[in-house]
Amino acid sequence: MHKRIMSIGFLIVLTLIVTGGSFAADYPTKPITLINPMPPGGALDIQARAFASVADKILGQPVIVVNKAGATGMLGGTAGAQAAPDGYTLTVGSVNIPNALEWEIVNGRKPPFTRNDFIPIGTFTMSPTLLVVPADTAYKNLADFIADAKARPGQMAFSSGGLYGMSHLPAEIFARAAGLKFRHVPSGGGGPALTAVVGKHVDFNVNYPANTLPLVRGNKLKALAVIGATRLKAAPNVPTTKELGIDAEYYGWVGLMAPLKTPKPVVDKLRDALKKVVENKTFIDMVETPGDEVHYLNGDELAKYMEVESVKIAKLYAEMVKEVAK
């Protein structure tokens, strides 16, 4: 009896190995849906479509970007986490998803999914953010801006695409590092937030290079600093907060996530495809011409990065919630 059970177990394992290997060899055999949890037209959407346009040639099947925007990425993130784990529905992961999860937790709410509901495939970009002001401002540099902010504590305002998003957090990180107080004016997205700066309804905004640099090049905005440690390739004359003596860094990563329980052979094939995409000149040009930067982290590196960053962001959120409660 014992031998029979062992034989059946061996056959089951052997079957899983054979079918898993066959599935990996055949995958993909139909189009892949790539859920983008953000609205069309933004930096995330541009990068997702650039990735899809190159990945479909590598994978041999169409990669179709579908926007499921809402709740700062939570709507699309939920759809991606709950998708069938077969490799045919993937999610454009970004810094917004773990940030949104931490915001829910800090506010005592149970999020509809967690980071552990995804398998990180890897990143294809990671860019620092830019602090921008109206083009005709009197500020010659960040020192002028900080001096004015210190002279008018709490009076200057910044716009963002929404609460706890990627254009809110870096402004908060910068403010705390520089010892400044600002008013926050959230809007209905990254576009309206930048329009508010161009129209001088607010004093500044912090945003992705791909969103800000076209307006800087068009003399609509002026870039005062990179919120990071390294200057941007696309804006080499803009100094970083680090070199100006301000300990503020914020990087917006974009990458690929698969639902938990996606078979390992499929995950391995996707990770191989992503690595080929980030080395592809067409993809690099599409991403870096507007101003963002190609940066590859493999799945394990991305998982560790999210874990470390989530702890930092949770601490910041707790401070913000306490301040509002006072």
C-alpha atoms as a PDB file:
ATOM      1  CA  MET A   1       0.000   0.000   0.000  1.00  0.00           C
ATOM      2  CA  HIS A   2       2.820   2.349   0.985  1.00  0.00           C
ATOM      3  CA  LYS A   3       4.668   1.638  -2.294  1.00  0.00           C
ATOM      4  CA  ARG A   4       1.490   2.274  -4.278  1.00  0.00           C
ATOM      5  CA  ILE A   5       0.981   5.713  -2.641  1.00  0.00           C
ATOM      6  CA  MET A   6       4.634   6.591  -3.377  1.00  0.00           C
ATOM      7  CA  SER A   7       4.207   5.525  -7.005  1.00  0.00           C
ATOM      8  CA  ILE A   8       1.082   7.659  -7.412  1.00  0.00           C
ATOM      9  CA  GLY A   9       2.883  10.623  -5.821  1.00  0.00           C
ATOM     10  CA  PHE A  10       5.846  10.157  -8.160  1.00  0.00           C
ATOM     11  CA  LEU A  11       3.528  10.059 -11.188  1.00  0.00           C
ATOM     12  CA  ILE A  12       1.781  13.268 -10.086  1.00  0.00           C
ATOM     13  CA  VAL A  13       5.106  15.086  -9.661  1.00  0.00           C
ATOM     14  CA  LEU A  14       6.360  13.749 -12.996  1.00  0.00           C
ATOM     15  CA  THR A  15       3.151  14.874 -14.714  1.00  0.00           C
ATOM     16  CA  LEU A  16       3.459  18.371 -13.238  1.00  0.00           C
ATOM     17  CA  ILE A  17       7.076  18.621 -14.411  1.00  0.00           C
ATOM     18  CA  VAL A  18       6.246  17.443 -17.928  1.00  0.00           C
ATOM     19  CA  THR A  19       3.107  19.574 -18.351  1.00  0.00           C
ATOM     20  CA  GLY A  20       4.803  22.580 -16.743  1.00  0.00           C
ATOM     21  CA  GLY A  21       7.723  22.287 -19.139  1.00  0.00           C
ATOM     22  CA  SER A  22       5.358  21.864 -22.078  1.00  0.00           C
ATOM     23  CA  PHE A  23       3.334  24.907 -20.985  1.00  0.00           C
ATOM     24  CA  ALA A  24       6.512  26.988 -20.776  1.00  0.00           C
ATOM     25  CA  ALA A  25       7.645  25.813 -24.210  1.00  0.00           C
ATOM     26  CA  ASP A  26       4.300  26.714 -25.769  1.00  0.00           C
ATOM     27  CA  TYR A  27       3.640  29.930 -23.815  1.00  0.00           C
ATOM     28  CA  PRO A  28       2.342  32.292 -25.024  1.00  0.00           C
ATOM     29  CA  THR A  29      -0.140  30.894 -27.536  1.00  0.00           C
ATOM     30  CA  LYS A  30      -2.566  33.834 -27.473  1.00  0.00           C
ATOM     31  CA  PRO A  31      -2.550  37.617 -26.827  1.00  0.00           C
ATOM     32  CA  ILE A  32      -1.460  38.882 -23.400  1.00  0.00           C
ATOM     33  CA  THR A  33      -3.455  41.561 -21.588  1.00  0.00           C
ATOM     34  CA  LEU A  34      -1.357  44.127 -19.733  1.00  0.00           C
ATOM     35  CA  ILE A  35      -3.416  46.027 -17.133  1.00  0.00           C
ATOM     36  CA  ASN A  36      -2.315  49.616 -16.585  1.00  0.00           C
ATOM     37  CA  PRO A  37      -3.835  50.865 -13.293  1.00  0.00           C
ATOM     38  CA  MET A  38      -3.375  54.511 -14.366  1.00  0.00           C
ATOM     39  CA  PRO A  39      -5.199  56.725 -16.914  1.00  0.00           C
ATOM     40  CA  PRO A  40      -4.172  56.913 -20.595  1.00  0.00           C
ATOM     41  CA  GLY A  41      -1.626  59.518 -21.663  1.00  0.00           C
ATOM     42  CA  GLY A  42       0.490  59.727 -18.507  1.00  0.00           C
ATOM     43  CA  ALA A  43       4.114  58.678 -18.011  1.00  0.00           C
ATOM     44  CA  LEU A  44       3.093  55.212 -16.841  1.00  0.00           C
ATOM     45  CA  ASP A  45       0.913  54.700 -19.904  1.00  0.00           C
ATOM     46  CA  ILE A  46       3.677  55.845 -22.260  1.00  0.00           C
ATOM     47  CA  GLN A  47       6.121  53.390 -20.700  1.00  0.00           C
ATOM     48  CA  ALA A  48       3.615  50.520 -20.656  1.00  0.00           C
ATOM     49  CA  ARG A  49       2.868  50.959 -24.359  1.00  0.00           C
ATOM     50  CA  ALA A  50       6.571  51.231 -25.185  1.00  0.00           C
ATOM     51  CA  PHE A  51       7.139  47.962 -23.315  1.00  0.00           C
ATOM     52  CA  ALA A  52       4.196  46.260 -25.056  1.00  0.00           C
ATOM     53  CA  SER A  53       5.339  47.338 -28.526  1.00  0.00           C
ATOM     54  CA  VAL A  54       8.703  45.619 -28.055  1.00  0.00           C
ATOM     55  CA  ALA A  55       7.619  42.688 -25.855  1.00  0.00           C
ATOM     56  CA  ASP A  56       5.088  41.422 -28.405  1.00  0.00           C
ATOM     57  CA  LYS A  57       7.884  40.844 -30.927  1.00  0.00           C
ATOM     58  CA  ILE A  58       9.979  39.001 -28.334  1.00  0.00           C
ATOM     59  CA  LEU A  59       7.088  36.871 -27.077  1.00  0.00           C
ATOM     60  CA  GLY A  60       5.540  36.311 -30.510  1.00  0.00           C
ATOM     61  CA  GLN A  61       2.047  37.368 -29.399  1.00  0.00           C
ATOM     62  CA  PRO A  62       0.284  40.749 -29.135  1.00  0.00           C
ATOM     63  CA  VAL A  63       0.630  42.490 -25.751  1.00  0.00           C
ATOM     64  CA  ILE A  64      -2.476  44.632 -25.328  1.00  0.00           C
ATOM     65  CA  VAL A  65      -2.462  47.490 -22.790  1.00  0.00           C
ATOM     66  CA  VAL A  66      -5.809  47.943 -21.040  1.00  0.00           C
ATOM     67  CA  ASN A  67      -6.295  50.956 -18.752  1.00  0.00           C
ATOM     68  CA  LYS A  68      -8.176  50.269 -15.507  1.00  0.00           C
ATOM     69  CA  ALA A  69      -7.671  53.550 -13.671  1.00  0.00           C
ATOM     70  CA  GLY A  70      -9.120  54.552 -10.324  1.00  0.00           C
ATOM     71  CA  ALA A  71      -8.288  54.956  -6.624  1.00  0.00           C
ATOM     72  CA  THR A  72      -4.624  55.749  -7.356  1.00  0.00           C
ATOM     73  CA  GLY A  73      -4.016  52.362  -8.930  1.00  0.00           C
ATOM     74  CA  MET A  74      -6.043  50.232  -6.531  1.00  0.00           C
ATOM     75  CA  LEU A  75      -8.755  49.380  -9.079  1.00  0.00           C
ATOM     76  CA  GLY A  76      -6.370  48.067 -11.700  1.00  0.00           C
ATOM     77  CA  GLY A  77      -4.158  46.502  -9.060  1.00  0.00           C
ATOM     78  CA  THR A  78      -7.097  44.528  -7.700  1.00  0.00           C
ATOM     79  CA  ALA A  79      -8.019  43.310 -11.183  1.00  0.00           C
ATOM     80  CA  GLY A  80      -4.434  42.229 -11.796  1.00  0.00           C
ATOM     81  CA  ALA A  81      -4.079  40.460  -8.455  1.00  0.00           C
ATOM     82  CA  GLN A  82      -7.334  38.554  -8.978  1.00  0.00           C
ATOM     83  CA  ALA A  83      -6.600  37.557 -12.598  1.00  0.00           C
ATOM     84  CA  ALA A  84      -6.087  33.924 -13.566  1.00  0.00           C
ATOM     85  CA  PRO A  85      -2.446  32.979 -12.833  1.00  0.00           C
ATOM     86  CA  ASP A  86      -1.726  31.719 -16.337  1.00  0.00           C
ATOM     87  CA  GLY A  87       0.537  34.474 -17.711  1.00  0.00           C
ATOM     88  CA  TYR A  88      -2.137  35.948 -19.974  1.00  0.00           C
ATOM     89  CA  THR A  89      -3.131  38.825 -17.684  1.00  0.00           C
ATOM     90  CA  LEU A  90      -0.244  40.849 -16.292  1.00  0.00           C
ATOM     91  CA  THR A  91      -0.092  44.189 -14.475  1.00  0.00           C
ATOM     92  CA  VAL A  92       2.026  47.274 -14.996  1.00  0.00           C
ATOM     93  CA  GLY A  93       3.483  47.561 -11.522  1.00  0.00           C
ATOM     94  CA  SER A  94       4.636  50.944 -10.275  1.00  0.00           C
ATOM     95  CA  VAL A  95       5.535  52.781  -7.114  1.00  0.00           C
ATOM     96  CA  ASN A  96       1.875  53.824  -6.854  1.00  0.00           C
ATOM     97  CA  ILE A  97       0.656  50.324  -5.954  1.00  0.00           C
ATOM     98  CA  PRO A  98       2.733  49.655  -2.792  1.00  0.00           C
ATOM     99  CA  ASN A  99       2.236  53.298  -1.775  1.00  0.00           C
ATOM    100  CA  ALA A 100      -1.538  53.011  -2.078  1.00  0.00           C
ATOM    101  CA  LEU A 101      -1.496  49.790  -0.057  1.00  0.00           C
ATOM    102  CA  GLU A 102       0.489  51.389   2.764  1.00  0.00           C
ATOM    103  CA  TRP A 103      -1.905  54.368   2.807  1.00  0.00           C
ATOM    104  CA  GLU A 104      -4.874  52.040   3.308  1.00  0.00           C
ATOM    105  CA  ILE A 105      -3.112  50.171   6.113  1.00  0.00           C
ATOM    106  CA  VAL A 106      -1.985  53.337   7.939  1.00  0.00           C
ATOM    107  CA  ASN A 107      -5.576  54.600   7.838  1.00  0.00           C
ATOM    108  CA  GLY A 108      -6.882  51.381   9.395  1.00  0.00           C
ATOM    109  CA  ARG A 109      -8.438  49.969   6.234  1.00  0.00           C
ATOM    110  CA  LYS A 110      -7.883  46.500   4.819  1.00  0.00           C
ATOM    111  CA  PRO A 111      -6.694  46.758   1.199  1.00  0.00           C
ATOM    112  CA  PRO A 112      -8.293  44.474  -1.408  1.00  0.00           C
ATOM    113  CA  PHE A 113      -4.924  42.875  -2.158  1.00  0.00           C
ATOM    114  CA  THR A 114      -1.341  42.927  -0.905  1.00  0.00           C
ATOM    115  CA  ARG A 115       2.122  42.965  -2.483  1.00  0.00           C
ATOM    116  CA  ASN A 116       2.253  39.228  -1.800  1.00  0.00           C
ATOM    117  CA  ASP A 117      -0.619  38.667  -4.251  1.00  0.00           C
ATOM    118  CA  PHE A 118       1.848  39.389  -7.069  1.00  0.00           C
ATOM    119  CA  ILE A 119       5.048  37.835  -8.358  1.00  0.00           C
ATOM    120  CA  PRO A 120       7.432  40.652  -9.363  1.00  0.00           C
ATOM    121  CA  ILE A 121       8.827  40.040 -12.849  1.00  0.00           C
ATOM    122  CA  GLY A 122      11.125  43.083 -12.759  1.00  0.00           C
ATOM    123  CA  THR A 123      11.383  46.774 -13.576  1.00  0.00           C
ATOM    124  CA  PHE A 124      11.971  48.386 -16.944  1.00  0.00           C
ATOM    125  CA  THR A 125      12.363  51.980 -15.744  1.00  0.00           C
ATOM    126  CA  MET A 126      13.228  53.872 -12.582  1.00  0.00           C
ATOM    127  CA  SER A 127      13.453  57.649 -12.609  1.00  0.00           C
ATOM    128  CA  PRO A 128      13.939  60.358  -9.994  1.00  0.00           C
ATOM    129  CA  THR A 129      11.356  63.133  -9.908  1.00  0.00           C
ATOM    130  CA  LEU A 130      11.808  66.790 -10.850  1.00  0.00           C
ATOM    131  CA  LEU A 131      10.773  69.855  -8.852  1.00  0.00           C
ATOM    132  CA  VAL A 132       9.359  72.401 -11.302  1.00  0.00           C
ATOM    133  CA  VAL A 133       8.066  75.981 -10.999  1.00  0.00           C
ATOM    134  CA  PRO A 134       6.511  78.436 -13.514  1.00  0.00           C
ATOM    135  CA  ALA A 135       8.982  79.344 -16.259  1.00  0.00           C
ATOM    136  CA  ASP A 136       8.950  83.102 -15.575  1.00  0.00           C
ATOM    137  CA  THR A 137       9.485  82.778 -11.830  1.00  0.00           C
ATOM    138  CA  ALA A 138      12.098  84.964 -10.194  1.00  0.00           C
ATOM    139  CA  TYR A 139      13.831  81.898  -8.680  1.00  0.00           C
ATOM    140  CA  LYS A 140      17.242  81.398 -10.269  1.00  0.00           C
ATOM    141  CA  ASN A 141      17.879  78.183  -8.368  1.00  0.00           C
ATOM    142  CA  LEU A 142      16.648  75.958  -5.559  1.00  0.00           C
ATOM    143  CA  ALA A 143      18.345  78.147  -2.922  1.00  0.00           C
ATOM    144  CA  ASP A 144      16.152  81.101  -3.973  1.00  0.00           C
ATOM    145  CA  PHE A 145      13.068  78.889  -3.804  1.00  0.00           C
ATOM    146  CA  ILE A 146      13.934  77.605  -0.316  1.00  0.00           C
ATOM    147  CA  ALA A 147      14.658  81.125   0.967  1.00  0.00           C
ATOM    148  CA  ASP A 148      11.212  82.270  -0.198  1.00  0.00           C
ATOM    149  CA  ALA A 149       9.521  79.226   1.332  1.00  0.00           C
ATOM    150  CA  LYS A 150      11.228  79.859   4.679  1.00  0.00           C
ATOM    151  CA  ALA A 151      10.137  83.509   4.579  1.00  0.00           C
ATOM    152  CA  ARG A 152       6.511  82.437   3.981  1.00  0.00           C
ATOM    153  CA  PRO A 153       5.990  79.200   5.954  1.00  0.00           C
ATOM    154  CA  GLY A 154       2.800  77.389   4.984  1.00  0.00           C
ATOM    155  CA  GLN A 155       1.830  79.957   2.349  1.00  0.00           C
ATOM    156  CA  MET A 156       3.378  78.411  -0.760  1.00  0.00           C
ATOM    157  CA  ALA A 157       1.433  75.568  -2.381  1.00  0.00           C
ATOM    158  CA  PHE A 158       2.201  72.533  -4.496  1.00  0.00           C
ATOM    159  CA  SER A 159      -0.115  70.549  -6.741  1.00  0.00           C
ATOM    160  CA  SER A 160      -0.316  66.790  -7.089  1.00  0.00           C
ATOM    161  CA  GLY A 161      -2.218  64.233  -9.133  1.00  0.00           C
ATOM    162  CA  GLY A 162      -3.932  63.024  -5.949  1.00  0.00           C
ATOM    163  CA  LEU A 163      -3.388  62.037  -2.347  1.00  0.00           C
ATOM    164  CA  TYR A 164      -0.405  59.757  -1.554  1.00  0.00           C
ATOM    165  CA  GLY A 165       0.509  59.442  -5.241  1.00  0.00           C
ATOM    166  CA  MET A 166       3.865  59.815  -6.960  1.00  0.00           C
ATOM    167  CA  SER A 167       3.495  63.601  -7.280  1.00  0.00           C
ATOM    168  CA  HIS A 168       2.451  64.019  -3.633  1.00  0.00           C
ATOM    169  CA  LEU A 169       5.012  61.908  -1.781  1.00  0.00           C
ATOM    170  CA  PRO A 170       8.215  63.368  -3.259  1.00  0.00           C
ATOM    171  CA  ALA A 171       7.021  66.890  -2.422  1.00  0.00           C
ATOM    172  CA  GLU A 172       6.405  65.786   1.171  1.00  0.00           C
ATOM    173  CA  ILE A 173       9.807  64.082   1.327  1.00  0.00           C
ATOM    174  CA  PHE A 174      11.508  67.217  -0.009  1.00  0.00           C
ATOM    175  CA  ALA A 175       9.612  69.511   2.390  1.00  0.00           C
ATOM    176  CA  ARG A 176      10.591  67.471   5.442  1.00  0.00           C
ATOM    177  CA  ALA A 177      14.233  67.147   4.370  1.00  0.00           C
ATOM    178  CA  ALA A 178      14.502  70.907   3.766  1.00  0.00           C
ATOM    179  CA  GLY A 179      12.519  71.854   6.895  1.00  0.00           C
ATOM    180  CA  LEU A 180       9.768  73.584   4.912  1.00  0.00           C
ATOM    181  CA  LYS A 181       5.972  73.837   5.185  1.00  0.00           C
ATOM    182  CA  PHE A 182       3.702  73.930   2.121  1.00  0.00           C
ATOM    183  CA  ARG A 183       0.004  73.684   1.325  1.00  0.00           C
ATOM    184  CA  HIS A 184      -1.017  70.640  -0.699  1.00  0.00           C
ATOM    185  CA  VAL A 185      -3.508  71.096  -3.548  1.00  0.00           C
ATOM    186  CA  PRO A 186      -4.504  67.673  -4.973  1.00  0.00           C
ATOM    187  CA  SER A 187      -6.045  67.571  -8.447  1.00  0.00           C
ATOM    188  CA  GLY A 188      -7.578  64.982 -10.745  1.00  0.00           C
ATOM    189  CA  GLY A 189      -4.362  63.676 -12.254  1.00  0.00           C
ATOM    190  CA  GLY A 190      -0.783  64.462 -13.234  1.00  0.00           C
ATOM    191  CA  GLY A 191      -1.819  66.608 -16.235  1.00  0.00           C
ATOM    192  CA  PRO A 192      -4.076  68.982 -14.289  1.00  0.00           C
ATOM    193  CA  ALA A 193      -1.444  69.195 -11.536  1.00  0.00           C
ATOM    194  CA  LEU A 194       1.157  70.471 -13.997  1.00  0.00           C
ATOM    195  CA  THR A 195      -1.371  72.785 -15.651  1.00  0.00           C
ATOM    196  CA  ALA A 196      -1.909  74.347 -12.225  1.00  0.00           C
ATOM    197  CA  VAL A 197       1.814  75.227 -12.066  1.00  0.00           C
ATOM    198  CA  VAL A 198       1.907  76.564 -15.628  1.00  0.00           C
ATOM    199  CA  GLY A 199      -1.141  78.736 -14.796  1.00  0.00           C
ATOM    200  CA  LYS A 200       0.480  79.879 -11.510  1.00  0.00           C
ATOM    201  CA  HIS A 201      -2.410  78.567  -9.411  1.00  0.00           C
ATOM    202  CA  VAL A 202       0.246  76.845  -7.267  1.00  0.00           C
ATOM    203  CA  ASP A 203       3.944  77.466  -6.727  1.00  0.00           C
ATOM    204  CA  PHE A 204       5.442  74.124  -7.713  1.00  0.00           C
ATOM    205  CA  ASN A 205       4.982  70.470  -8.562  1.00  0.00           C
ATOM    206  CA  VAL A 206       7.165  67.358  -8.313  1.00  0.00           C
ATOM    207  CA  ASN A 207       6.683  64.851 -11.131  1.00  0.00           C
ATOM    208  CA  TYR A 208       8.167  62.307 -13.542  1.00  0.00           C
ATOM    209  CA  PRO A 209      10.701  63.640 -16.091  1.00  0.00           C
ATOM    210  CA  ALA A 210       8.551  62.432 -19.017  1.00  0.00           C
ATOM    211  CA  ASN A 211       5.706  64.638 -17.752  1.00  0.00           C
ATOM    212  CA  THR A 212       7.758  67.693 -16.822  1.00  0.00           C
ATOM    213  CA  LEU A 213      10.631  67.946 -19.309  1.00  0.00           C
ATOM    214  CA  PRO A 214       8.469  68.580 -22.408  1.00  0.00           C
ATOM    215  CA  LEU A 215       7.032  71.600 -20.570  1.00  0.00           C
ATOM    216  CA  VAL A 216      10.508  72.693 -19.476  1.00  0.00           C
ATOM    217  CA  ARG A 217      11.731  72.441 -23.076  1.00  0.00           C
ATOM    218  CA  GLY A 218       8.699  74.420 -24.209  1.00  0.00           C
ATOM    219  CA  ASN A 219       9.508  77.222 -21.716  1.00  0.00           C
ATOM    220  CA  LYS A 220       6.311  76.600 -19.750  1.00  0.00           C
ATOM    221  CA  LEU A 221       8.125  75.381 -16.610  1.00  0.00           C
ATOM    222  CA  LYS A 222      11.541  75.709 -15.002  1.00  0.00           C
ATOM    223  CA  ALA A 223      13.252  72.724 -13.361  1.00  0.00           C
ATOM    224  CA  LEU A 224      15.017  73.579 -10.094  1.00  0.00           C
ATOM    225  CA  ALA A 225      16.122  70.197  -8.806  1.00  0.00           C
ATOM    226  CA  VAL A 226      16.122  66.452  -9.278  1.00  0.00           C
ATOM    227  CA  ILE A 227      14.738  64.755  -6.143  1.00  0.00           C
ATOM    228  CA  GLY A 228      17.473  62.148  -6.094  1.00  0.00           C
ATOM    229  CA  ALA A 229      21.182  61.399  -5.965  1.00  0.00           C
ATOM    230  CA  THR A 230      22.068  61.331  -9.681  1.00  0.00           C
ATOM    231  CA  ARG A 231      21.478  63.893 -12.407  1.00  0.00           C
ATOM    232  CA  LEU A 232      19.139  62.962 -15.236  1.00  0.00           C
ATOM    233  CA  LYS A 233      20.637  62.092 -18.610  1.00  0.00           C
ATOM    234  CA  ALA A 234      17.895  64.168 -20.247  1.00  0.00           C
ATOM    235  CA  ALA A 235      18.507  67.191 -17.973  1.00  0.00           C
ATOM    236  CA  PRO A 236      22.229  67.182 -17.091  1.00  0.00           C
ATOM    237  CA  ASN A 237      22.227  70.835 -16.018  1.00  0.00           C
ATOM    238  CA  VAL A 238      19.610  70.360 -13.297  1.00  0.00           C
ATOM    239  CA  PRO A 239      21.287  69.704  -9.912  1.00  0.00           C
ATOM    240  CA  THR A 240      20.149  67.006  -7.500  1.00  0.00           C
ATOM    241  CA  THR A 241      18.875  67.588  -3.973  1.00  0.00           C
ATOM    242  CA  LYS A 242      21.709  65.381  -2.713  1.00  0.00           C
ATOM    243  CA  GLU A 243      24.441  67.557  -4.202  1.00  0.00           C
ATOM    244  CA  LEU A 244      22.675  70.637  -2.821  1.00  0.00           C
ATOM    245  CA  GLY A 245      22.898  69.163   0.677  1.00  0.00           C
ATOM    246  CA  ILE A 246      19.260  68.081   1.049  1.00  0.00           C
ATOM    247  CA  ASP A 247      18.709  64.446   2.016  1.00  0.00           C
ATOM    248  CA  ALA A 248      15.686  63.854  -0.219  1.00  0.00           C
ATOM    249  CA  GLU A 249      15.284  61.045  -2.757  1.00  0.00           C
ATOM    250  CA  TYR A 250      12.258  59.649  -4.541  1.00  0.00           C
ATOM    251  CA  TYR A 251      12.258  57.296  -7.530  1.00  0.00           C
ATOM    252  CA  GLY A 252       9.285  56.250  -9.579  1.00  0.00           C
ATOM    253  CA  TRP A 253       9.750  52.688 -10.835  1.00  0.00           C
ATOM    254  CA  VAL A 254       7.641  50.966 -13.461  1.00  0.00           C
ATOM    255  CA  GLY A 255       7.723  47.240 -14.108  1.00  0.00           C
ATOM    256  CA  LEU A 256       5.863  44.021 -14.659  1.00  0.00           C
ATOM    257  CA  MET A 257       3.871  41.930 -12.164  1.00  0.00           C
ATOM    258  CA  ALA A 258       2.177  38.539 -12.521  1.00  0.00           C
ATOM    259  CA  PRO A 259      -0.562  37.104 -10.273  1.00  0.00           C
ATOM    260  CA  LEU A 260       0.552  34.850  -7.439  1.00  0.00           C
ATOM    261  CA  LYS A 261       0.671  31.144  -8.387  1.00  0.00           C
ATOM    262  CA  THR A 262       1.654  31.864 -11.995  1.00  0.00           C
ATOM    263  CA  PRO A 263       3.707  28.763 -12.979  1.00  0.00           C
ATOM    264  CA  LYS A 264       7.450  29.201 -12.540  1.00  0.00           C
ATOM    265  CA  PRO A 265       8.269  28.269 -16.163  1.00  0.00           C
ATOM    266  CA  VAL A 266       5.970  31.094 -17.323  1.00  0.00           C
ATOM    267  CA  VAL A 267       7.474  33.539 -14.811  1.00  0.00           C
ATOM    268  CA  ASP A 268      10.965  32.610 -16.010  1.00  0.00           C
ATOM    269  CA  LYS A 269       9.968  33.181 -19.629  1.00  0.00           C
ATOM    270  CA  LEU A 270       8.473  36.584 -18.779  1.00  0.00           C
ATOM    271  CA  ARG A 271      11.575  37.584 -16.852  1.00  0.00           C
ATOM    272  CA  ASP A 272      13.742  36.618 -19.807  1.00  0.00           C
ATOM    273  CA  ALA A 273      11.516  38.652 -22.148  1.00  0.00           C
ATOM    274  CA  LEU A 274      11.628  41.713 -19.868  1.00  0.00           C
ATOM    275  CA  LYS A 275      15.440  41.578 -19.744  1.00  0.00           C
ATOM    276  CA  LYS A 276      15.511  41.565 -23.549  1.00  0.00           C
ATOM    277  CA  VAL A 277      13.103  44.523 -23.695  1.00  0.00           C
ATOM    278  CA  VAL A 278      15.254  46.748 -21.459  1.00  0.00           C
ATOM    279  CA  GLU A 279      18.282  45.999 -23.651  1.00  0.00           C
ATOM    280  CA  ASN A 280      16.382  46.836 -26.841  1.00  0.00           C
ATOM    281  CA  LYS A 281      17.452  50.128 -28.466  1.00  0.00           C
ATOM    282  CA  THR A 282      13.953  50.921 -29.734  1.00  0.00           C
ATOM    283  CA  PHE A 283      12.554  50.628 -26.217  1.00  0.00           C
ATOM    284  CA  ILE A 284      15.403  52.658 -24.701  1.00  0.00           C
ATOM    285  CA  ASP A 285      14.844  55.467 -27.214  1.00  0.00           C
ATOM    286  CA  MET A 286      11.065  55.496 -26.638  1.00  0.00           C
ATOM    287  CA  VAL A 287      11.499  55.812 -22.884  1.00  0.00           C
ATOM    288  CA  GLU A 288      14.560  58.034 -22.599  1.00  0.00           C
ATOM    289  CA  THR A 289      13.740  60.575 -25.327  1.00  0.00           C
ATOM    290  CA  PRO A 290      10.880  62.081 -23.252  1.00  0.00           C
ATOM    291  CA  GLY A 291      13.139  62.067 -20.172  1.00  0.00           C
ATOM    292  CA  ASP A 292      12.602  58.909 -18.114  1.00  0.00           C
ATOM    293  CA  GLU A 293      15.387  56.385 -17.594  1.00  0.00           C
ATOM    294  CA  VAL A 294      15.608  52.674 -18.321  1.00  0.00           C
ATOM    295  CA  HIS A 295      16.615  50.807 -15.177  1.00  0.00           C
ATOM    296  CA  TYR A 296      16.412  47.052 -14.739  1.00  0.00           C
ATOM    297  CA  LEU A 297      15.825  45.232 -11.464  1.00  0.00           C
ATOM    298  CA  ASN A 298      15.143  41.511 -11.620  1.00  0.00           C
ATOM    299  CA  GLY A 299      12.185  40.001  -9.775  1.00  0.00           C
ATOM    300  CA  ASP A 300      14.050  39.294  -6.531  1.00  0.00           C
ATOM    301  CA  GLU A 301      15.663  42.741  -6.513  1.00  0.00           C
ATOM    302  CA  LEU A 302      12.285  44.405  -7.071  1.00  0.00           C
ATOM    303  CA  ALA A 303      10.682  42.411  -4.234  1.00  0.00           C
ATOM    304  CA  LYS A 304      13.442  43.555  -1.831  1.00  0.00           C
ATOM    305  CA  TYR A 305      13.231  47.150  -3.054  1.00  0.00           C
ATOM    306  CA  MET A 306       9.450  47.264  -2.499  1.00  0.00           C
ATOM    307  CA  GLU A 307       9.843  45.807   0.972  1.00  0.00           C
ATOM    308  CA  VAL A 308      12.401  48.410   2.055  1.00  0.00           C
ATOM    309  CA  GLU A 309      10.569  51.337   0.439  1.00  0.00           C
ATOM    310  CA  SER A 310       7.197  50.290   1.880  1.00  0.00           C
ATOM    311  CA  VAL A 311       8.612  50.546   5.412  1.00  0.00           C
ATOM    312  CA  LYS A 312       9.892  54.086   4.713  1.00  0.00           C
ATOM    313  CA  ILE A 313       6.626  55.185   3.093  1.00  0.00           C
ATOM    314  CA  ALA A 314       4.506  53.700   5.893  1.00  0.00           C
ATOM    315  CA  LYS A 315       6.509  55.765   8.405  1.00  0.00           C
ATOM    316  CA  LEU A 316       5.985  58.928   6.351  1.00  0.00           C
ATOM    317  CA  TYR A 317       2.254  58.253   6.040  1.00  0.00           C
ATOM    318  CA  ALA A 318       1.963  57.758   9.795  1.00  0.00           C
ATOM    319  CA  GLU A 319       3.564  61.178  10.303  1.00  0.00           C
ATOM    320  CA  MET A 320       1.211  62.762   7.772  1.00  0.00           C
ATOM    321  CA  VAL A 321      -1.886  61.228   9.367  1.00  0.00           C
ATOM    322  CA  LYS A 322      -0.748  62.419  12.809  1.00  0.00           C
ATOM    323  CA  GLU A 323      -0.238  65.952  11.509  1.00  0.00           C
ATOM    324  CA  VAL A 324      -3.734  66.069   9.994  1.00  0.00           C
ATOM    325  CA  ALA A 325      -5.239  64.799  13.258  1.00  0.00           C
ATOM    326  CA  LYS A 326      -3.658  67.623  15.303  1.00  0.00           C
END
